[in-house]
């Protein structure tokens, strides 16, 4: 399986080891693609209260999300609060990415 597809598969697999999912989220920072951005957003939304996964996704997402979008987000807030505050924007961005 080619990257980043393998990383995305692990990240979105809720039965995968926590550490593997966390590593996949961090490694996706290397792939500035629509699929990577969408997977990171999806994982953040689906992670519930798993602050570690959300934090790794948030860190990678901050590096690959287009600057004109990321500038409107406060990346300094805690992972759980980030998802709560920006939930609607993240969902809207995910829908937009899936349409591309």
PDB file of N, CA and C in Angstrom:
ATOM      1  N   UNK A   1       0.840  -1.172   0.000  1.00  0.00           N
ATOM      2  CA  UNK A   1       0.000   0.000   0.000  1.00  0.00           C
ATOM      3  C   UNK A   1       0.890   1.241   0.000  1.00  0.00           C
ATOM      4  N   UNK A   2       0.609   2.185  -0.868  1.00  0.00           N
ATOM      5  CA  UNK A   2       1.420   3.391  -0.984  1.00  0.00           C
ATOM      6  C   UNK A   2       1.058   4.385   0.113  1.00  0.00           C
ATOM      7  N   UNK A   3       2.069   5.180   0.466  1.00  0.00           N
ATOM      8  CA  UNK A   3       1.816   6.238   1.436  1.00  0.00           C
ATOM      9  C   UNK A   3       1.213   7.410   0.697  1.00  0.00           C
ATOM     10  N   UNK A   4       0.349   8.180   1.253  1.00  0.00           N
ATOM     11  CA  UNK A   4      -0.060   8.139   2.655  1.00  0.00           C
ATOM     12  C   UNK A   4      -1.232   7.201   2.940  1.00  0.00           C
ATOM     13  N   UNK A   5      -1.657   6.410   1.942  1.00  0.00           N
ATOM     14  CA  UNK A   5      -2.825   5.543   2.140  1.00  0.00           C
ATOM     15  C   UNK A   5      -2.669   4.590   3.321  1.00  0.00           C
ATOM     16  N   UNK A   6      -1.487   4.045   3.497  1.00  0.00           N
ATOM     17  CA  UNK A   6      -1.253   3.139   4.624  1.00  0.00           C
ATOM     18  C   UNK A   6      -1.389   3.842   5.962  1.00  0.00           C
ATOM     19  N   UNK A   7      -0.854   5.046   6.044  1.00  0.00           N
ATOM     20  CA  UNK A   7      -0.967   5.826   7.278  1.00  0.00           C
ATOM     21  C   UNK A   7      -2.418   6.192   7.564  1.00  0.00           C
ATOM     22  N   UNK A   8      -3.130   6.571   6.522  1.00  0.00           N
ATOM     23  CA  UNK A   8      -4.544   6.925   6.680  1.00  0.00           C
ATOM     24  C   UNK A   8      -5.343   5.722   7.164  1.00  0.00           C
ATOM     25  N   UNK A   9      -5.056   4.567   6.592  1.00  0.00           N
ATOM     26  CA  UNK A   9      -5.769   3.353   6.991  1.00  0.00           C
ATOM     27  C   UNK A   9      -5.562   3.070   8.483  1.00  0.00           C
ATOM     28  N   UNK A  10      -4.327   3.177   8.949  1.00  0.00           N
ATOM     29  CA  UNK A  10      -4.027   2.934  10.365  1.00  0.00           C
ATOM     30  C   UNK A  10      -4.699   3.997  11.237  1.00  0.00           C
ATOM     31  N   UNK A  11      -4.591   5.252  10.846  1.00  0.00           N
ATOM     32  CA  UNK A  11      -5.167   6.339  11.640  1.00  0.00           C
ATOM     33  C   UNK A  11      -6.667   6.158  11.839  1.00  0.00           C
ATOM     34  N   UNK A  12      -7.364   5.755  10.807  1.00  0.00           N
ATOM     35  CA  UNK A  12      -8.816   5.651  10.880  1.00  0.00           C
ATOM     36  C   UNK A  12      -9.312   4.301  11.400  1.00  0.00           C
ATOM     37  N   UNK A  13      -8.392   3.381  11.668  1.00  0.00           N
ATOM     38  CA  UNK A  13      -8.745   2.056  12.184  1.00  0.00           C
ATOM     39  C   UNK A  13      -8.821   2.115  13.708  1.00  0.00           C
ATOM     40  N   UNK A  14     -10.026   2.173  14.235  1.00  0.00           N
ATOM     41  CA  UNK A  14     -10.208   2.290  15.690  1.00  0.00           C
ATOM     42  C   UNK A  14      -9.767   1.044  16.448  1.00  0.00           C
ATOM     43  N   UNK A  15      -9.530  -0.055  15.737  1.00  0.00           N
ATOM     44  CA  UNK A  15      -9.043  -1.262  16.407  1.00  0.00           C
ATOM     45  C   UNK A  15      -7.510  -1.335  16.411  1.00  0.00           C
ATOM     46  N   UNK A  16      -6.855  -0.401  15.728  1.00  0.00           N
ATOM     47  CA  UNK A  16      -5.386  -0.376  15.708  1.00  0.00           C
ATOM     48  C   UNK A  16      -4.858   0.087  17.066  1.00  0.00           C
ATOM     49  N   UNK A  17      -3.632  -0.276  17.345  1.00  0.00           N
ATOM     50  CA  UNK A  17      -2.981   0.140  18.591  1.00  0.00           C
ATOM     51  C   UNK A  17      -2.943   1.671  18.665  1.00  0.00           C
ATOM     52  N   UNK A  18      -3.141   2.180  19.866  1.00  0.00           N
ATOM     53  CA  UNK A  18      -3.143   3.634  20.072  1.00  0.00           C
ATOM     54  C   UNK A  18      -1.841   4.259  19.556  1.00  0.00           C
ATOM     55  N   UNK A  19      -0.726   3.651  19.897  1.00  0.00           N
ATOM     56  CA  UNK A  19       0.574   4.187  19.479  1.00  0.00           C
ATOM     57  C   UNK A  19       0.739   4.209  17.973  1.00  0.00           C
ATOM     58  N   UNK A  20       0.218   3.190  17.292  1.00  0.00           N
ATOM     59  CA  UNK A  20       0.296   3.153  15.834  1.00  0.00           C
ATOM     60  C   UNK A  20      -0.554   4.248  15.213  1.00  0.00           C
ATOM     61  N   UNK A  21      -1.738   4.456  15.772  1.00  0.00           N
ATOM     62  CA  UNK A  21      -2.612   5.524  15.266  1.00  0.00           C
ATOM     63  C   UNK A  21      -1.975   6.895  15.507  1.00  0.00           C
ATOM     64  N   UNK A  22      -1.386   7.061  16.676  1.00  0.00           N
ATOM     65  CA  UNK A  22      -0.723   8.314  17.015  1.00  0.00           C
ATOM     66  C   UNK A  22       0.450   8.571  16.067  1.00  0.00           C
ATOM     67  N   UNK A  23       1.265   7.556  15.825  1.00  0.00           N
ATOM     68  CA  UNK A  23       2.396   7.683  14.895  1.00  0.00           C
ATOM     69  C   UNK A  23       1.917   8.016  13.486  1.00  0.00           C
ATOM     70  N   UNK A  24       0.840   7.366  13.053  1.00  0.00           N
ATOM     71  CA  UNK A  24       0.294   7.621  11.716  1.00  0.00           C
ATOM     72  C   UNK A  24      -0.143   9.079  11.602  1.00  0.00           C
ATOM     73  N   UNK A  25      -0.795   9.590  12.627  1.00  0.00           N
ATOM     74  CA  UNK A  25      -1.231  10.992  12.612  1.00  0.00           C
ATOM     75  C   UNK A  25      -0.036  11.926  12.490  1.00  0.00           C
ATOM     76  N   UNK A  26       1.007  11.638  13.237  1.00  0.00           N
ATOM     77  CA  UNK A  26       2.199  12.492  13.185  1.00  0.00           C
ATOM     78  C   UNK A  26       2.906  12.370  11.831  1.00  0.00           C
ATOM     79  N   UNK A  27       2.975  11.169  11.295  1.00  0.00           N
ATOM     80  CA  UNK A  27       3.670  10.955  10.021  1.00  0.00           C
ATOM     81  C   UNK A  27       2.925  11.574   8.841  1.00  0.00           C
ATOM     82  N   UNK A  28       1.624  11.752   8.960  1.00  0.00           N
ATOM     83  CA  UNK A  28       0.851  12.349   7.856  1.00  0.00           C
ATOM     84  C   UNK A  28       1.242  13.799   7.598  1.00  0.00           C
ATOM     85  N   UNK A  29       1.931  14.408   8.535  1.00  0.00           N
ATOM     86  CA  UNK A  29       2.413  15.777   8.347  1.00  0.00           C
ATOM     87  C   UNK A  29       3.296  15.888   7.100  1.00  0.00           C
ATOM     88  N   UNK A  30       3.905  14.791   6.713  1.00  0.00           N
ATOM     89  CA  UNK A  30       4.803  14.769   5.550  1.00  0.00           C
ATOM     90  C   UNK A  30       4.051  14.792   4.224  1.00  0.00           C
ATOM     91  N   UNK A  31       2.754  14.567   4.243  1.00  0.00           N
ATOM     92  CA  UNK A  31       1.965  14.420   3.020  1.00  0.00           C
ATOM     93  C   UNK A  31       0.884  15.490   2.954  1.00  0.00           C
ATOM     94  N   UNK A  32       1.180  16.556   2.255  1.00  0.00           N
ATOM     95  CA  UNK A  32       0.235  17.669   2.136  1.00  0.00           C
ATOM     96  C   UNK A  32      -0.723  17.373   0.988  1.00  0.00           C
ATOM     97  N   UNK A  33      -1.676  16.466   1.288  1.00  0.00           N
ATOM     98  CA  UNK A  33      -2.649  16.053   0.284  1.00  0.00           C
ATOM     99  C   UNK A  33      -4.058  16.237   0.837  1.00  0.00           C
ATOM    100  N   UNK A  34      -5.018  16.259  -0.069  1.00  0.00           N
ATOM    101  CA  UNK A  34      -6.424  16.357   0.324  1.00  0.00           C
ATOM    102  C   UNK A  34      -6.809  15.162   1.185  1.00  0.00           C
ATOM    103  N   UNK A  35      -6.340  13.973   0.796  1.00  0.00           N
ATOM    104  CA  UNK A  35      -6.681  12.755   1.547  1.00  0.00           C
ATOM    105  C   UNK A  35      -6.110  12.797   2.960  1.00  0.00           C
ATOM    106  N   UNK A  36      -4.897  13.301   3.095  1.00  0.00           N
ATOM    107  CA  UNK A  36      -4.284  13.388   4.420  1.00  0.00           C
ATOM    108  C   UNK A  36      -5.024  14.377   5.307  1.00  0.00           C
ATOM    109  N   UNK A  37      -5.327  15.530   4.754  1.00  0.00           N
ATOM    110  CA  UNK A  37      -6.052  16.546   5.519  1.00  0.00           C
ATOM    111  C   UNK A  37      -7.416  16.020   5.950  1.00  0.00           C
ATOM    112  N   UNK A  38      -8.123  15.386   5.033  1.00  0.00           N
ATOM    113  CA  UNK A  38      -9.449  14.840   5.354  1.00  0.00           C
ATOM    114  C   UNK A  38      -9.356  13.769   6.438  1.00  0.00           C
ATOM    115  N   UNK A  39      -8.370  12.895   6.354  1.00  0.00           N
ATOM    116  CA  UNK A  39      -8.223  11.825   7.347  1.00  0.00           C
ATOM    117  C   UNK A  39      -7.918  12.398   8.733  1.00  0.00           C
ATOM    118  N   UNK A  40      -7.071  13.401   8.791  1.00  0.00           N
ATOM    119  CA  UNK A  40      -6.742  14.013  10.081  1.00  0.00           C
ATOM    120  C   UNK A  40      -7.975  14.663  10.706  1.00  0.00           C
ATOM    121  N   UNK A  41      -8.746  15.356   9.888  1.00  0.00           N
ATOM    122  CA  UNK A  41      -9.968  15.982  10.398  1.00  0.00           C
ATOM    123  C   UNK A  41     -10.955  14.912  10.862  1.00  0.00           C
ATOM    124  N   UNK A  42     -11.135  13.883  10.048  1.00  0.00           N
ATOM    125  CA  UNK A  42     -12.064  12.812  10.411  1.00  0.00           C
ATOM    126  C   UNK A  42     -11.645  12.161  11.723  1.00  0.00           C
ATOM    127  N   UNK A  43     -10.360  11.874  11.867  1.00  0.00           N
ATOM    128  CA  UNK A  43      -9.875  11.239  13.095  1.00  0.00           C
ATOM    129  C   UNK A  43     -10.086  12.140  14.306  1.00  0.00           C
ATOM    130  N   UNK A  44      -9.889  13.436  14.139  1.00  0.00           N
ATOM    131  CA  UNK A  44     -10.110  14.364  15.249  1.00  0.00           C
ATOM    132  C   UNK A  44     -11.573  14.343  15.684  1.00  0.00           C
ATOM    133  N   UNK A  45     -12.459  14.400  14.722  1.00  0.00           N
ATOM    134  CA  UNK A  45     -13.888  14.425  15.023  1.00  0.00           C
ATOM    135  C   UNK A  45     -14.346  13.124  15.668  1.00  0.00           C
ATOM    136  N   UNK A  46     -13.809  11.999  15.184  1.00  0.00           N
ATOM    137  CA  UNK A  46     -14.233  10.681  15.668  1.00  0.00           C
ATOM    138  C   UNK A  46     -13.538  10.244  16.945  1.00  0.00           C
ATOM    139  N   UNK A  47     -12.496  10.938  17.358  1.00  0.00           N
ATOM    140  CA  UNK A  47     -11.694  10.481  18.497  1.00  0.00           C
ATOM    141  C   UNK A  47     -12.328  10.747  19.850  1.00  0.00           C
ATOM    142  N   UNK A  48     -13.402  11.496  19.882  1.00  0.00           N
ATOM    143  CA  UNK A  48     -14.073  11.741  21.155  1.00  0.00           C
ATOM    144  C   UNK A  48     -13.174  12.442  22.142  1.00  0.00           C
ATOM    145  N   UNK A  49     -12.827  11.748  23.212  1.00  0.00           N
ATOM    146  CA  UNK A  49     -12.003  12.360  24.254  1.00  0.00           C
ATOM    147  C   UNK A  49     -10.568  11.846  24.254  1.00  0.00           C
ATOM    148  N   UNK A  50     -10.138  11.213  23.172  1.00  0.00           N
ATOM    149  CA  UNK A  50      -8.759  10.725  23.094  1.00  0.00           C
ATOM    150  C   UNK A  50      -7.835  11.887  22.754  1.00  0.00           C
ATOM    151  N   UNK A  51      -7.414  12.565  23.798  1.00  0.00           N
ATOM    152  CA  UNK A  51      -6.635  13.789  23.635  1.00  0.00           C
ATOM    153  C   UNK A  51      -5.316  13.552  22.898  1.00  0.00           C
ATOM    154  N   UNK A  52      -4.702  12.387  23.081  1.00  0.00           N
ATOM    155  CA  UNK A  52      -3.431  12.098  22.417  1.00  0.00           C
ATOM    156  C   UNK A  52      -3.573  12.051  20.908  1.00  0.00           C
ATOM    157  N   UNK A  53      -4.577  11.334  20.429  1.00  0.00           N
ATOM    158  CA  UNK A  53      -4.818  11.243  18.983  1.00  0.00           C
ATOM    159  C   UNK A  53      -5.194  12.614  18.436  1.00  0.00           C
ATOM    160  N   UNK A  54      -6.079  13.310  19.131  1.00  0.00           N
ATOM    161  CA  UNK A  54      -6.498  14.634  18.669  1.00  0.00           C
ATOM    162  C   UNK A  54      -5.297  15.572  18.600  1.00  0.00           C
ATOM    163  N   UNK A  55      -4.436  15.535  19.603  1.00  0.00           N
ATOM    164  CA  UNK A  55      -3.275  16.418  19.636  1.00  0.00           C
ATOM    165  C   UNK A  55      -2.333  16.132  18.463  1.00  0.00           C
ATOM    166  N   UNK A  56      -2.081  14.868  18.177  1.00  0.00           N
ATOM    167  CA  UNK A  56      -1.205  14.519  17.048  1.00  0.00           C
ATOM    168  C   UNK A  56      -1.831  14.930  15.725  1.00  0.00           C
ATOM    169  N   UNK A  57      -3.132  14.727  15.592  1.00  0.00           N
ATOM    170  CA  UNK A  57      -3.843  15.154  14.378  1.00  0.00           C
ATOM    171  C   UNK A  57      -3.786  16.667  14.237  1.00  0.00           C
ATOM    172  N   UNK A  58      -4.007  17.355  15.336  1.00  0.00           N
ATOM    173  CA  UNK A  58      -4.010  18.822  15.318  1.00  0.00           C
ATOM    174  C   UNK A  58      -2.638  19.346  14.893  1.00  0.00           C
ATOM    175  N   UNK A  59      -1.596  18.756  15.429  1.00  0.00           N
ATOM    176  CA  UNK A  59      -0.243  19.192  15.095  1.00  0.00           C
ATOM    177  C   UNK A  59       0.044  19.004  13.601  1.00  0.00           C
ATOM    178  N   UNK A  60      -0.297  17.834  13.072  1.00  0.00           N
ATOM    179  CA  UNK A  60      -0.065  17.587  11.653  1.00  0.00           C
ATOM    180  C   UNK A  60      -0.964  18.447  10.777  1.00  0.00           C
ATOM    181  N   UNK A  61      -2.213  18.577  11.183  1.00  0.00           N
ATOM    182  CA  UNK A  61      -3.155  19.375  10.412  1.00  0.00           C
ATOM    183  C   UNK A  61      -2.699  20.825  10.323  1.00  0.00           C
ATOM    184  N   UNK A  62      -2.133  21.333  11.385  1.00  0.00           N
ATOM    185  CA  UNK A  62      -1.669  22.721  11.378  1.00  0.00           C
ATOM    186  C   UNK A  62      -0.572  22.943  10.344  1.00  0.00           C
ATOM    187  N   UNK A  63       0.133  21.878   9.983  1.00  0.00           N
ATOM    188  CA  UNK A  63       1.219  21.984   9.011  1.00  0.00           C
ATOM    189  C   UNK A  63       0.761  21.790   7.569  1.00  0.00           C
ATOM    190  N   UNK A  64      -0.349  21.078   7.357  1.00  0.00           N
ATOM    191  CA  UNK A  64      -0.747  20.774   5.979  1.00  0.00           C
ATOM    192  C   UNK A  64      -2.001  21.507   5.513  1.00  0.00           C
ATOM    193  N   UNK A  65      -2.770  22.047   6.432  1.00  0.00           N
ATOM    194  CA  UNK A  65      -3.983  22.777   6.052  1.00  0.00           C
ATOM    195  C   UNK A  65      -3.571  24.068   5.345  1.00  0.00           C
ATOM    196  N   UNK A  66      -4.278  24.438   4.288  1.00  0.00           N
ATOM    197  CA  UNK A  66      -3.947  25.694   3.604  1.00  0.00           C
ATOM    198  C   UNK A  66      -3.943  26.871   4.580  1.00  0.00           C
ATOM    199  N   UNK A  67      -2.958  27.732   4.414  1.00  0.00           N
ATOM    200  CA  UNK A  67      -2.750  28.831   5.349  1.00  0.00           C
ATOM    201  C   UNK A  67      -3.959  29.752   5.457  1.00  0.00           C
ATOM    202  N   UNK A  68      -4.654  29.975   4.360  1.00  0.00           N
ATOM    203  CA  UNK A  68      -5.808  30.878   4.415  1.00  0.00           C
ATOM    204  C   UNK A  68      -6.926  30.323   5.297  1.00  0.00           C
ATOM    205  N   UNK A  69      -6.942  29.022   5.508  1.00  0.00           N
ATOM    206  CA  UNK A  69      -7.919  28.405   6.410  1.00  0.00           C
ATOM    207  C   UNK A  69      -7.342  28.295   7.820  1.00  0.00           C
ATOM    208  N   UNK A  70      -6.107  27.848   7.918  1.00  0.00           N
ATOM    209  CA  UNK A  70      -5.504  27.622   9.232  1.00  0.00           C
ATOM    210  C   UNK A  70      -5.297  28.914  10.021  1.00  0.00           C
ATOM    211  N   UNK A  71      -5.149  30.038   9.334  1.00  0.00           N
ATOM    212  CA  UNK A  71      -4.956  31.311  10.033  1.00  0.00           C
ATOM    213  C   UNK A  71      -6.172  31.704  10.868  1.00  0.00           C
ATOM    214  N   UNK A  72      -7.338  31.154  10.548  1.00  0.00           N
ATOM    215  CA  UNK A  72      -8.555  31.479  11.284  1.00  0.00           C
ATOM    216  C   UNK A  72      -8.749  30.606  12.528  1.00  0.00           C
ATOM    217  N   UNK A  73      -7.838  29.687  12.783  1.00  0.00           N
ATOM    218  CA  UNK A  73      -7.964  28.759  13.901  1.00  0.00           C
ATOM    219  C   UNK A  73      -6.924  29.065  14.972  1.00  0.00           C
ATOM    220  N   UNK A  74      -7.311  28.897  16.226  1.00  0.00           N
ATOM    221  CA  UNK A  74      -6.388  29.104  17.341  1.00  0.00           C
ATOM    222  C   UNK A  74      -5.767  27.758  17.692  1.00  0.00           C
ATOM    223  N   UNK A  75      -4.598  27.510  17.169  1.00  0.00           N
ATOM    224  CA  UNK A  75      -3.926  26.227  17.340  1.00  0.00           C
ATOM    225  C   UNK A  75      -3.365  26.044  18.748  1.00  0.00           C
ATOM    226  N   UNK A  76      -3.373  27.100  19.550  1.00  0.00           N
ATOM    227  CA  UNK A  76      -2.771  27.016  20.885  1.00  0.00           C
ATOM    228  C   UNK A  76      -3.707  26.437  21.941  1.00  0.00           C
ATOM    229  N   UNK A  77      -4.999  26.327  21.644  1.00  0.00           N
ATOM    230  CA  UNK A  77      -5.920  25.797  22.661  1.00  0.00           C
ATOM    231  C   UNK A  77      -5.768  24.276  22.775  1.00  0.00           C
ATOM    232  N   UNK A  78      -6.230  23.744  23.872  1.00  0.00           N
ATOM    233  CA  UNK A  78      -6.073  22.314  24.135  1.00  0.00           C
ATOM    234  C   UNK A  78      -6.776  21.488  23.049  1.00  0.00           C
ATOM    235  N   UNK A  79      -6.318  20.268  22.821  1.00  0.00           N
ATOM    236  CA  UNK A  79      -6.897  19.428  21.762  1.00  0.00           C
ATOM    237  C   UNK A  79      -8.410  19.243  21.861  1.00  0.00           C
ATOM    238  N   UNK A  80      -8.913  18.911  23.043  1.00  0.00           N
ATOM    239  CA  UNK A  80     -10.350  18.687  23.210  1.00  0.00           C
ATOM    240  C   UNK A  80     -11.118  19.980  22.935  1.00  0.00           C
ATOM    241  N   UNK A  81     -10.635  21.090  23.477  1.00  0.00           N
ATOM    242  CA  UNK A  81     -11.296  22.373  23.238  1.00  0.00           C
ATOM    243  C   UNK A  81     -11.234  22.758  21.767  1.00  0.00           C
ATOM    244  N   UNK A  82     -10.130  22.445  21.108  1.00  0.00           N
ATOM    245  CA  UNK A  82      -9.994  22.752  19.685  1.00  0.00           C
ATOM    246  C   UNK A  82     -11.116  22.084  18.890  1.00  0.00           C
ATOM    247  N   UNK A  83     -11.334  20.799  19.147  1.00  0.00           N
ATOM    248  CA  UNK A  83     -12.397  20.081  18.439  1.00  0.00           C
ATOM    249  C   UNK A  83     -13.766  20.644  18.809  1.00  0.00           C
ATOM    250  N   UNK A  84     -13.973  20.954  20.074  1.00  0.00           N
ATOM    251  CA  UNK A  84     -15.264  21.504  20.497  1.00  0.00           C
ATOM    252  C   UNK A  84     -15.531  22.873  19.882  1.00  0.00           C
ATOM    253  N   UNK A  85     -14.537  23.743  19.908  1.00  0.00           N
ATOM    254  CA  UNK A  85     -14.703  25.103  19.397  1.00  0.00           C
ATOM    255  C   UNK A  85     -14.872  25.118  17.882  1.00  0.00           C
ATOM    256  N   UNK A  86     -14.094  24.292  17.182  1.00  0.00           N
ATOM    257  CA  UNK A  86     -14.072  24.335  15.720  1.00  0.00           C
ATOM    258  C   UNK A  86     -14.797  23.162  15.055  1.00  0.00           C
ATOM    259  N   UNK A  87     -15.627  22.465  15.810  1.00  0.00           N
ATOM    260  CA  UNK A  87     -16.299  21.274  15.283  1.00  0.00           C
ATOM    261  C   UNK A  87     -17.034  21.564  13.976  1.00  0.00           C
ATOM    262  N   UNK A  88     -17.820  22.609  13.939  1.00  0.00           N
ATOM    263  CA  UNK A  88     -18.586  22.929  12.730  1.00  0.00           C
ATOM    264  C   UNK A  88     -17.678  23.267  11.555  1.00  0.00           C
ATOM    265  N   UNK A  89     -16.616  24.037  11.809  1.00  0.00           N
ATOM    266  CA  UNK A  89     -15.684  24.383  10.744  1.00  0.00           C
ATOM    267  C   UNK A  89     -14.945  23.155  10.234  1.00  0.00           C
ATOM    268  N   UNK A  90     -14.568  22.261  11.150  1.00  0.00           N
ATOM    269  CA  UNK A  90     -13.876  21.039  10.752  1.00  0.00           C
ATOM    270  C   UNK A  90     -14.782  20.151   9.906  1.00  0.00           C
ATOM    271  N   UNK A  91     -16.033  20.011  10.329  1.00  0.00           N
ATOM    272  CA  UNK A  91     -16.980  19.202   9.551  1.00  0.00           C
ATOM    273  C   UNK A  91     -17.218  19.806   8.175  1.00  0.00           C
ATOM    274  N   UNK A  92     -17.346  21.116   8.112  1.00  0.00           N
ATOM    275  CA  UNK A  92     -17.556  21.793   6.825  1.00  0.00           C
ATOM    276  C   UNK A  92     -16.342  21.606   5.920  1.00  0.00           C
ATOM    277  N   UNK A  93     -15.153  21.687   6.485  1.00  0.00           N
ATOM    278  CA  UNK A  93     -13.930  21.487   5.693  1.00  0.00           C
ATOM    279  C   UNK A  93     -13.857  20.048   5.199  1.00  0.00           C
ATOM    280  N   UNK A  94     -14.245  19.102   6.032  1.00  0.00           N
ATOM    281  CA  UNK A  94     -14.234  17.693   5.642  1.00  0.00           C
ATOM    282  C   UNK A  94     -15.181  17.459   4.465  1.00  0.00           C
ATOM    283  N   UNK A  95     -16.354  18.024   4.522  1.00  0.00           N
ATOM    284  CA  UNK A  95     -17.314  17.907   3.415  1.00  0.00           C
ATOM    285  C   UNK A  95     -16.713  18.519   2.151  1.00  0.00           C
ATOM    286  N   UNK A  96     -16.100  19.674   2.302  1.00  0.00           N
ATOM    287  CA  UNK A  96     -15.484  20.350   1.160  1.00  0.00           C
ATOM    288  C   UNK A  96     -14.385  19.485   0.542  1.00  0.00           C
ATOM    289  N   UNK A  97     -13.549  18.900   1.366  1.00  0.00           N
ATOM    290  CA  UNK A  97     -12.450  18.054   0.865  1.00  0.00           C
ATOM    291  C   UNK A  97     -12.974  16.821   0.149  1.00  0.00           C
ATOM    292  N   UNK A  98     -14.030  16.248   0.661  1.00  0.00           N
ATOM    293  CA  UNK A  98     -14.591  15.034   0.043  1.00  0.00           C
ATOM    294  C   UNK A  98     -15.230  15.333  -1.312  1.00  0.00           C
ATOM    295  N   UNK A  99     -15.588  16.583  -1.549  1.00  0.00           N
ATOM    296  CA  UNK A  99     -16.174  16.972  -2.823  1.00  0.00           C
ATOM    297  C   UNK A  99     -15.126  17.247  -3.900  1.00  0.00           C
ATOM    298  N   UNK A 100     -13.874  17.396  -3.486  1.00  0.00           N
ATOM    299  CA  UNK A 100     -12.793  17.687  -4.438  1.00  0.00           C
ATOM    300  C   UNK A 100     -12.356  16.443  -5.195  1.00  0.00           C
TER     301      UNK A 100
END
